Amino acid sequence: SIDVVLGLEAGADDYVTKPFDGAV
């Protein structure tokens, strides 16, 4: 939660968790 929320509160529009599929 802290990673996600900090990024979004900083102004990010979305997030993707690694490892991620290239198509995703």
mmCIF file of all heavy atoms, coordinates in Angstrom:
data_MODEL
# 
_entry.id   MODEL 
# 
loop_
_atom_site.group_PDB 
_atom_site.id 
_atom_site.type_symbol 
_atom_site.label_atom_id 
_atom_site.label_alt_id 
_atom_site.label_comp_id 
_atom_site.label_asym_id 
_atom_site.label_entity_id 
_atom_site.label_seq_id 
_atom_site.pdbx_PDB_ins_code 
_atom_site.Cartn_x 
_atom_site.Cartn_y 
_atom_site.Cartn_z 
_atom_site.occupancy 
_atom_site.B_iso_or_equiv 
_atom_site.pdbx_formal_charge 
_atom_site.auth_seq_id 
_atom_site.auth_comp_id 
_atom_site.auth_asym_id 
_atom_site.auth_atom_id 
_atom_site.pdbx_PDB_model_num 
ATOM 1   N N   . SER A 1 1  ? 0.816  -1.207  0.000   1.00 0.00 ? 1  SER A N   1 
ATOM 2   C CA  . SER A 1 1  ? 0.000  0.000   0.000   1.00 0.00 ? 1  SER A CA  1 
ATOM 3   C C   . SER A 1 1  ? 0.851  1.258   0.000   1.00 0.00 ? 1  SER A C   1 
ATOM 4   O O   . SER A 1 1  ? 0.535  2.237   -0.685  1.00 0.00 ? 1  SER A O   1 
ATOM 5   C CB  . SER A 1 1  ? -0.935 0.011   1.216   1.00 0.00 ? 1  SER A CB  1 
ATOM 6   O OG  . SER A 1 1  ? -1.891 -1.014  1.138   1.00 0.00 ? 1  SER A OG  1 
ATOM 7   N N   . ILE A 1 2  ? 1.940  1.253   0.768   1.00 0.00 ? 2  ILE A N   1 
ATOM 8   C CA  . ILE A 1 2  ? 2.732  2.475   0.877   1.00 0.00 ? 2  ILE A CA  1 
ATOM 9   C C   . ILE A 1 2  ? 3.349  2.848   -0.460  1.00 0.00 ? 2  ILE A C   1 
ATOM 10  O O   . ILE A 1 2  ? 3.404  4.020   -0.834  1.00 0.00 ? 2  ILE A O   1 
ATOM 11  C CB  . ILE A 1 2  ? 3.818  2.346   1.974   1.00 0.00 ? 2  ILE A CB  1 
ATOM 12  C CG1 . ILE A 1 2  ? 4.459  3.704   2.223   1.00 0.00 ? 2  ILE A CG1 1 
ATOM 13  C CG2 . ILE A 1 2  ? 4.853  1.287   1.604   1.00 0.00 ? 2  ILE A CG2 1 
ATOM 14  C CD1 . ILE A 1 2  ? 5.317  3.752   3.466   1.00 0.00 ? 2  ILE A CD1 1 
ATOM 15  N N   . ASP A 1 3  ? 3.819  1.856   -1.233  1.00 0.00 ? 3  ASP A N   1 
ATOM 16  C CA  . ASP A 1 3  ? 4.381  2.125   -2.556  1.00 0.00 ? 3  ASP A CA  1 
ATOM 17  C C   . ASP A 1 3  ? 3.330  2.719   -3.473  1.00 0.00 ? 3  ASP A C   1 
ATOM 18  O O   . ASP A 1 3  ? 3.552  3.721   -4.152  1.00 0.00 ? 3  ASP A O   1 
ATOM 19  C CB  . ASP A 1 3  ? 4.920  0.837   -3.185  1.00 0.00 ? 3  ASP A CB  1 
ATOM 20  C CG  . ASP A 1 3  ? 6.315  0.490   -2.692  1.00 0.00 ? 3  ASP A CG  1 
ATOM 21  O OD1 . ASP A 1 3  ? 6.903  1.313   -1.966  1.00 0.00 ? 3  ASP A OD1 1 
ATOM 22  O OD2 . ASP A 1 3  ? 6.801  -0.591  -3.036  1.00 0.00 ? 3  ASP A OD2 1 
ATOM 23  N N   . VAL A 1 4  ? 2.171  2.062   -3.503  1.00 0.00 ? 4  VAL A N   1 
ATOM 24  C CA  . VAL A 1 4  ? 1.095  2.478   -4.397  1.00 0.00 ? 4  VAL A CA  1 
ATOM 25  C C   . VAL A 1 4  ? 0.599  3.870   -4.036  1.00 0.00 ? 4  VAL A C   1 
ATOM 26  O O   . VAL A 1 4  ? 0.505  4.765   -4.885  1.00 0.00 ? 4  VAL A O   1 
ATOM 27  C CB  . VAL A 1 4  ? -0.065 1.467   -4.352  1.00 0.00 ? 4  VAL A CB  1 
ATOM 28  C CG1 . VAL A 1 4  ? -1.248 1.966   -5.173  1.00 0.00 ? 4  VAL A CG1 1 
ATOM 29  C CG2 . VAL A 1 4  ? 0.388  0.108   -4.860  1.00 0.00 ? 4  VAL A CG2 1 
ATOM 30  N N   . VAL A 1 5  ? 0.280  4.072   -2.764  1.00 0.00 ? 5  VAL A N   1 
ATOM 31  C CA  . VAL A 1 5  ? -0.307 5.333   -2.332  1.00 0.00 ? 5  VAL A CA  1 
ATOM 32  C C   . VAL A 1 5  ? 0.680  6.490   -2.493  1.00 0.00 ? 5  VAL A C   1 
ATOM 33  O O   . VAL A 1 5  ? 0.307  7.576   -2.956  1.00 0.00 ? 5  VAL A O   1 
ATOM 34  C CB  . VAL A 1 5  ? -0.813 5.234   -0.881  1.00 0.00 ? 5  VAL A CB  1 
ATOM 35  C CG1 . VAL A 1 5  ? -1.244 6.592   -0.363  1.00 0.00 ? 5  VAL A CG1 1 
ATOM 36  C CG2 . VAL A 1 5  ? -1.970 4.243   -0.799  1.00 0.00 ? 5  VAL A CG2 1 
ATOM 37  N N   . LEU A 1 6  ? 1.945  6.281   -2.125  1.00 0.00 ? 6  LEU A N   1 
ATOM 38  C CA  . LEU A 1 6  ? 2.934  7.346   -2.264  1.00 0.00 ? 6  LEU A CA  1 
ATOM 39  C C   . LEU A 1 6  ? 3.080  7.774   -3.721  1.00 0.00 ? 6  LEU A C   1 
ATOM 40  O O   . LEU A 1 6  ? 3.162  8.965   -4.023  1.00 0.00 ? 6  LEU A O   1 
ATOM 41  C CB  . LEU A 1 6  ? 4.288  6.894   -1.713  1.00 0.00 ? 6  LEU A CB  1 
ATOM 42  C CG  . LEU A 1 6  ? 4.430  6.872   -0.190  1.00 0.00 ? 6  LEU A CG  1 
ATOM 43  C CD1 . LEU A 1 6  ? 5.785  6.308   0.204   1.00 0.00 ? 6  LEU A CD1 1 
ATOM 44  C CD2 . LEU A 1 6  ? 4.248  8.271   0.395   1.00 0.00 ? 6  LEU A CD2 1 
ATOM 45  N N   . GLY A 1 7  ? 3.103  6.804   -4.618  1.00 0.00 ? 7  GLY A N   1 
ATOM 46  C CA  . GLY A 1 7  ? 3.227  7.125   -6.033  1.00 0.00 ? 7  GLY A CA  1 
ATOM 47  C C   . GLY A 1 7  ? 2.027  7.895   -6.549  1.00 0.00 ? 7  GLY A C   1 
ATOM 48  O O   . GLY A 1 7  ? 2.159  8.889   -7.260  1.00 0.00 ? 7  GLY A O   1 
ATOM 49  N N   . LEU A 1 8  ? 0.836  7.458   -6.172  1.00 0.00 ? 8  LEU A N   1 
ATOM 50  C CA  . LEU A 1 8  ? -0.380 8.125   -6.626  1.00 0.00 ? 8  LEU A CA  1 
ATOM 51  C C   . LEU A 1 8  ? -0.513 9.511   -6.009  1.00 0.00 ? 8  LEU A C   1 
ATOM 52  O O   . LEU A 1 8  ? -0.921 10.468  -6.677  1.00 0.00 ? 8  LEU A O   1 
ATOM 53  C CB  . LEU A 1 8  ? -1.606 7.276   -6.294  1.00 0.00 ? 8  LEU A CB  1 
ATOM 54  C CG  . LEU A 1 8  ? -1.691 5.928   -7.024  1.00 0.00 ? 8  LEU A CG  1 
ATOM 55  C CD1 . LEU A 1 8  ? -2.842 5.105   -6.465  1.00 0.00 ? 8  LEU A CD1 1 
ATOM 56  C CD2 . LEU A 1 8  ? -1.857 6.128   -8.526  1.00 0.00 ? 8  LEU A CD2 1 
ATOM 57  N N   . GLU A 1 9  ? -0.170 9.633   -4.739  1.00 0.00 ? 9  GLU A N   1 
ATOM 58  C CA  . GLU A 1 9  ? -0.249 10.943  -4.084  1.00 0.00 ? 9  GLU A CA  1 
ATOM 59  C C   . GLU A 1 9  ? 0.763  11.920  -4.676  1.00 0.00 ? 9  GLU A C   1 
ATOM 60  O O   . GLU A 1 9  ? 0.557  13.135  -4.637  1.00 0.00 ? 9  GLU A O   1 
ATOM 61  C CB  . GLU A 1 9  ? -0.018 10.801  -2.580  1.00 0.00 ? 9  GLU A CB  1 
ATOM 62  C CG  . GLU A 1 9  ? -1.200 10.170  -1.845  1.00 0.00 ? 9  GLU A CG  1 
ATOM 63  C CD  . GLU A 1 9  ? -0.960 10.076  -0.350  1.00 0.00 ? 9  GLU A CD  1 
ATOM 64  O OE1 . GLU A 1 9  ? 0.208  10.159  0.075   1.00 0.00 ? 9  GLU A OE1 1 
ATOM 65  O OE2 . GLU A 1 9  ? -1.955 9.904   0.388   1.00 0.00 ? 9  GLU A OE2 1 
ATOM 66  N N   . ALA A 1 10 ? 1.855  11.390  -5.220  1.00 0.00 ? 10 ALA A N   1 
ATOM 67  C CA  . ALA A 1 10 ? 2.855  12.250  -5.850  1.00 0.00 ? 10 ALA A CA  1 
ATOM 68  C C   . ALA A 1 10 ? 2.377  12.769  -7.196  1.00 0.00 ? 10 ALA A C   1 
ATOM 69  O O   . ALA A 1 10 ? 3.000  13.665  -7.770  1.00 0.00 ? 10 ALA A O   1 
ATOM 70  C CB  . ALA A 1 10 ? 4.167  11.491  -6.023  1.00 0.00 ? 10 ALA A CB  1 
ATOM 71  N N   . GLY A 1 11 ? 1.275  12.207  -7.699  1.00 0.00 ? 11 GLY A N   1 
ATOM 72  C CA  . GLY A 1 11 ? 0.727  12.691  -8.962  1.00 0.00 ? 11 GLY A CA  1 
ATOM 73  C C   . GLY A 1 11 ? 0.687  11.661  -10.067 1.00 0.00 ? 11 GLY A C   1 
ATOM 74  O O   . GLY A 1 11 ? 0.314  11.984  -11.199 1.00 0.00 ? 11 GLY A O   1 
ATOM 75  N N   . ALA A 1 12 ? 1.078  10.408  -9.782  1.00 0.00 ? 12 ALA A N   1 
ATOM 76  C CA  . ALA A 1 12 ? 1.016  9.368   -10.813 1.00 0.00 ? 12 ALA A CA  1 
ATOM 77  C C   . ALA A 1 12 ? -0.438 9.079   -11.174 1.00 0.00 ? 12 ALA A C   1 
ATOM 78  O O   . ALA A 1 12 ? -1.345 9.226   -10.352 1.00 0.00 ? 12 ALA A O   1 
ATOM 79  C CB  . ALA A 1 12 ? 1.706  8.103   -10.321 1.00 0.00 ? 12 ALA A CB  1 
ATOM 80  N N   . ASP A 1 13 ? -0.650 8.661   -12.404 1.00 0.00 ? 13 ASP A N   1 
ATOM 81  C CA  . ASP A 1 13 ? -1.988 8.364   -12.891 1.00 0.00 ? 13 ASP A CA  1 
ATOM 82  C C   . ASP A 1 13 ? -2.346 6.892   -12.756 1.00 0.00 ? 13 ASP A C   1 
ATOM 83  O O   . ASP A 1 13 ? -3.514 6.531   -12.725 1.00 0.00 ? 13 ASP A O   1 
ATOM 84  C CB  . ASP A 1 13 ? -2.104 8.788   -14.356 1.00 0.00 ? 13 ASP A CB  1 
ATOM 85  C CG  . ASP A 1 13 ? -1.863 10.270  -14.524 1.00 0.00 ? 13 ASP A CG  1 
ATOM 86  O OD1 . ASP A 1 13 ? -2.797 11.052  -14.270 1.00 0.00 ? 13 ASP A OD1 1 
ATOM 87  O OD2 . ASP A 1 13 ? -0.729 10.657  -14.885 1.00 0.00 ? 13 ASP A OD2 1 
ATOM 88  N N   . ASP A 1 14 ? -1.347 6.041   -12.692 1.00 0.00 ? 14 ASP A N   1 
ATOM 89  C CA  . ASP A 1 14 ? -1.588 4.603   -12.579 1.00 0.00 ? 14 ASP A CA  1 
ATOM 90  C C   . ASP A 1 14 ? -0.294 3.955   -12.100 1.00 0.00 ? 14 ASP A C   1 
ATOM 91  O O   . ASP A 1 14 ? 0.748  4.611   -12.005 1.00 0.00 ? 14 ASP A O   1 
ATOM 92  C CB  . ASP A 1 14 ? -2.008 4.028   -13.937 1.00 0.00 ? 14 ASP A CB  1 
ATOM 93  C CG  . ASP A 1 14 ? -2.792 2.722   -13.826 1.00 0.00 ? 14 ASP A CG  1 
ATOM 94  O OD1 . ASP A 1 14 ? -2.879 2.170   -12.700 1.00 0.00 ? 14 ASP A OD1 1 
ATOM 95  O OD2 . ASP A 1 14 ? -3.309 2.258   -14.845 1.00 0.00 ? 14 ASP A OD2 1 
ATOM 96  N N   . TYR A 1 15 ? -0.365 2.667   -11.794 1.00 0.00 ? 15 TYR A N   1 
ATOM 97  C CA  . TYR A 1 15 ? 0.845  1.942   -11.433 1.00 0.00 ? 15 TYR A CA  1 
ATOM 98  C C   . TYR A 1 15 ? 0.743  0.510   -11.946 1.00 0.00 ? 15 TYR A C   1 
ATOM 99  O O   . TYR A 1 15 ? -0.350 -0.025  -12.160 1.00 0.00 ? 15 TYR A O   1 
ATOM 100 C CB  . TYR A 1 15 ? 1.076  1.952   -9.915  1.00 0.00 ? 15 TYR A CB  1 
ATOM 101 C CG  . TYR A 1 15 ? 0.278  0.920   -9.166  1.00 0.00 ? 15 TYR A CG  1 
ATOM 102 C CD1 . TYR A 1 15 ? 0.846  -0.310  -8.815  1.00 0.00 ? 15 TYR A CD1 1 
ATOM 103 C CD2 . TYR A 1 15 ? -1.052 1.146   -8.832  1.00 0.00 ? 15 TYR A CD2 1 
ATOM 104 C CE1 . TYR A 1 15 ? 0.107  -1.274  -8.152  1.00 0.00 ? 15 TYR A CE1 1 
ATOM 105 C CE2 . TYR A 1 15 ? -1.793 0.210   -8.171  1.00 0.00 ? 15 TYR A CE2 1 
ATOM 106 C CZ  . TYR A 1 15 ? -1.211 -1.015  -7.832  1.00 0.00 ? 15 TYR A CZ  1 
ATOM 107 O OH  . TYR A 1 15 ? -1.953 -1.965  -7.186  1.00 0.00 ? 15 TYR A OH  1 
ATOM 108 N N   . VAL A 1 16 ? 1.893  -0.099  -12.162 1.00 0.00 ? 16 VAL A N   1 
ATOM 109 C CA  . VAL A 1 16 ? 1.978  -1.488  -12.608 1.00 0.00 ? 16 VAL A CA  1 
ATOM 110 C C   . VAL A 1 16 ? 2.977  -2.192  -11.711 1.00 0.00 ? 16 VAL A C   1 
ATOM 111 O O   . VAL A 1 16 ? 4.056  -1.665  -11.421 1.00 0.00 ? 16 VAL A O   1 
ATOM 112 C CB  . VAL A 1 16 ? 2.432  -1.587  -14.081 1.00 0.00 ? 16 VAL A CB  1 
ATOM 113 C CG1 . VAL A 1 16 ? 2.621  -3.044  -14.493 1.00 0.00 ? 16 VAL A CG1 1 
ATOM 114 C CG2 . VAL A 1 16 ? 1.421  -0.902  -15.003 1.00 0.00 ? 16 VAL A CG2 1 
ATOM 115 N N   . THR A 1 17 ? 2.611  -3.380  -11.261 1.00 0.00 ? 17 THR A N   1 
ATOM 116 C CA  . THR A 1 17 ? 3.477  -4.144  -10.372 1.00 0.00 ? 17 THR A CA  1 
ATOM 117 C C   . THR A 1 17 ? 4.423  -5.053  -11.159 1.00 0.00 ? 17 THR A C   1 
ATOM 118 O O   . THR A 1 17 ? 4.011  -5.715  -12.112 1.00 0.00 ? 17 THR A O   1 
ATOM 119 C CB  . THR A 1 17 ? 2.636  -5.015  -9.420  1.00 0.00 ? 17 THR A CB  1 
ATOM 120 O OG1 . THR A 1 17 ? 1.748  -4.170  -8.687  1.00 0.00 ? 17 THR A OG1 1 
ATOM 121 C CG2 . THR A 1 17 ? 3.518  -5.773  -8.441  1.00 0.00 ? 17 THR A CG2 1 
ATOM 122 N N   . LYS A 1 18 ? 5.699  -5.043  -10.788 1.00 0.00 ? 18 LYS A N   1 
ATOM 123 C CA  . LYS A 1 18 ? 6.695  -5.935  -11.394 1.00 0.00 ? 18 LYS A CA  1 
ATOM 124 C C   . LYS A 1 18 ? 6.723  -7.266  -10.633 1.00 0.00 ? 18 LYS A C   1 
ATOM 125 O O   . LYS A 1 18 ? 6.470  -7.273  -9.438  1.00 0.00 ? 18 LYS A O   1 
ATOM 126 C CB  . LYS A 1 18 ? 8.079  -5.278  -11.349 1.00 0.00 ? 18 LYS A CB  1 
ATOM 127 C CG  . LYS A 1 18 ? 8.184  -3.990  -12.166 1.00 0.00 ? 18 LYS A CG  1 
ATOM 128 C CD  . LYS A 1 18 ? 9.610  -3.515  -12.312 1.00 0.00 ? 18 LYS A CD  1 
ATOM 129 C CE  . LYS A 1 18 ? 10.225 -3.055  -11.021 1.00 0.00 ? 18 LYS A CE  1 
ATOM 130 N NZ  . LYS A 1 18 ? 11.573 -2.485  -11.170 1.00 0.00 ? 18 LYS A NZ  1 
ATOM 131 N N   . PRO A 1 19 ? 7.022  -8.363  -11.341 1.00 0.00 ? 19 PRO A N   1 
ATOM 132 C CA  . PRO A 1 19 ? 7.282  -8.444  -12.784 1.00 0.00 ? 19 PRO A CA  1 
ATOM 133 C C   . PRO A 1 19 ? 5.991  -8.301  -13.585 1.00 0.00 ? 19 PRO A C   1 
ATOM 134 O O   . PRO A 1 19 ? 4.940  -8.772  -13.152 1.00 0.00 ? 19 PRO A O   1 
ATOM 135 C CB  . PRO A 1 19 ? 7.886  -9.839  -12.949 1.00 0.00 ? 19 PRO A CB  1 
ATOM 136 C CG  . PRO A 1 19 ? 7.307  -10.643 -11.833 1.00 0.00 ? 19 PRO A CG  1 
ATOM 137 C CD  . PRO A 1 19 ? 7.160  -9.683  -10.682 1.00 0.00 ? 19 PRO A CD  1 
ATOM 138 N N   . PHE A 1 20 ? 6.067  -7.630  -14.711 1.00 0.00 ? 20 PHE A N   1 
ATOM 139 C CA  . PHE A 1 20 ? 4.877  -7.404  -15.518 1.00 0.00 ? 20 PHE A CA  1 
ATOM 140 C C   . PHE A 1 20 ? 5.034  -8.049  -16.885 1.00 0.00 ? 20 PHE A C   1 
ATOM 141 O O   . PHE A 1 20 ? 6.134  -8.238  -17.396 1.00 0.00 ? 20 PHE A O   1 
ATOM 142 C CB  . PHE A 1 20 ? 4.613  -5.908  -15.684 1.00 0.00 ? 20 PHE A CB  1 
ATOM 143 C CG  . PHE A 1 20 ? 5.824  -5.109  -16.085 1.00 0.00 ? 20 PHE A CG  1 
ATOM 144 C CD1 . PHE A 1 20 ? 6.271  -5.094  -17.399 1.00 0.00 ? 20 PHE A CD1 1 
ATOM 145 C CD2 . PHE A 1 20 ? 6.516  -4.364  -15.139 1.00 0.00 ? 20 PHE A CD2 1 
ATOM 146 C CE1 . PHE A 1 20 ? 7.391  -4.369  -17.759 1.00 0.00 ? 20 PHE A CE1 1 
ATOM 147 C CE2 . PHE A 1 20 ? 7.639  -3.626  -15.500 1.00 0.00 ? 20 PHE A CE2 1 
ATOM 148 C CZ  . PHE A 1 20 ? 8.078  -3.632  -16.810 1.00 0.00 ? 20 PHE A CZ  1 
ATOM 149 N N   . ASP A 1 21 ? 3.908  -8.399  -17.462 1.00 0.00 ? 21 ASP A N   1 
ATOM 150 C CA  . ASP A 1 21 ? 3.876  -8.913  -18.824 1.00 0.00 ? 21 ASP A CA  1 
ATOM 151 C C   . ASP A 1 21 ? 3.934  -7.720  -19.777 1.00 0.00 ? 21 ASP A C   1 
ATOM 152 O O   . ASP A 1 21 ? 3.251  -6.718  -19.570 1.00 0.00 ? 21 ASP A O   1 
ATOM 153 C CB  . ASP A 1 21 ? 2.594  -9.715  -19.039 1.00 0.00 ? 21 ASP A CB  1 
ATOM 154 C CG  . ASP A 1 21 ? 2.500  -10.282 -20.439 1.00 0.00 ? 21 ASP A CG  1 
ATOM 155 O OD1 . ASP A 1 21 ? 2.983  -11.396 -20.677 1.00 0.00 ? 21 ASP A OD1 1 
ATOM 156 O OD2 . ASP A 1 21 ? 1.932  -9.588  -21.308 1.00 0.00 ? 21 ASP A OD2 1 
ATOM 157 N N   . GLY A 1 22 ? 4.746  -7.840  -20.808 1.00 0.00 ? 22 GLY A N   1 
ATOM 158 C CA  . GLY A 1 22 ? 4.904  -6.740  -21.744 1.00 0.00 ? 22 GLY A CA  1 
ATOM 159 C C   . GLY A 1 22 ? 3.598  -6.298  -22.369 1.00 0.00 ? 22 GLY A C   1 
ATOM 160 O O   . GLY A 1 22 ? 3.351  -5.093  -22.538 1.00 0.00 ? 22 GLY A O   1 
ATOM 161 N N   . ALA A 1 23 ? 2.730  -7.270  -22.688 1.00 0.00 ? 23 ALA A N   1 
ATOM 162 C CA  . ALA A 1 23 ? 1.448  -6.936  -23.306 1.00 0.00 ? 23 ALA A CA  1 
ATOM 163 C C   . ALA A 1 23 ? 0.561  -6.159  -22.341 1.00 0.00 ? 23 ALA A C   1 
ATOM 164 O O   . ALA A 1 23 ? -0.175 -5.249  -22.747 1.00 0.00 ? 23 ALA A O   1 
ATOM 165 C CB  . ALA A 1 23 ? 0.746  -8.208  -23.769 1.00 0.00 ? 23 ALA A CB  1 
ATOM 166 N N   . VAL A 1 24 ? 0.635  -6.517  -21.059 1.00 0.00 ? 24 VAL A N   1 
ATOM 167 C CA  . VAL A 1 24 ? -0.155 -5.802  -20.046 1.00 0.00 ? 24 VAL A CA  1 
ATOM 168 C C   . VAL A 1 24 ? 0.342  -4.373  -19.906 1.00 0.00 ? 24 VAL A C   1 
ATOM 169 O O   . VAL A 1 24 ? -0.455 -3.423  -19.834 1.00 0.00 ? 24 VAL A O   1 
ATOM 170 C CB  . VAL A 1 24 ? -0.090 -6.533  -18.691 1.00 0.00 ? 24 VAL A CB  1 
ATOM 171 C CG1 . VAL A 1 24 ? -0.720 -5.690  -17.590 1.00 0.00 ? 24 VAL A CG1 1 
ATOM 172 C CG2 . VAL A 1 24 ? -0.792 -7.887  -18.788 1.00 0.00 ? 24 VAL A CG2 1 
# 
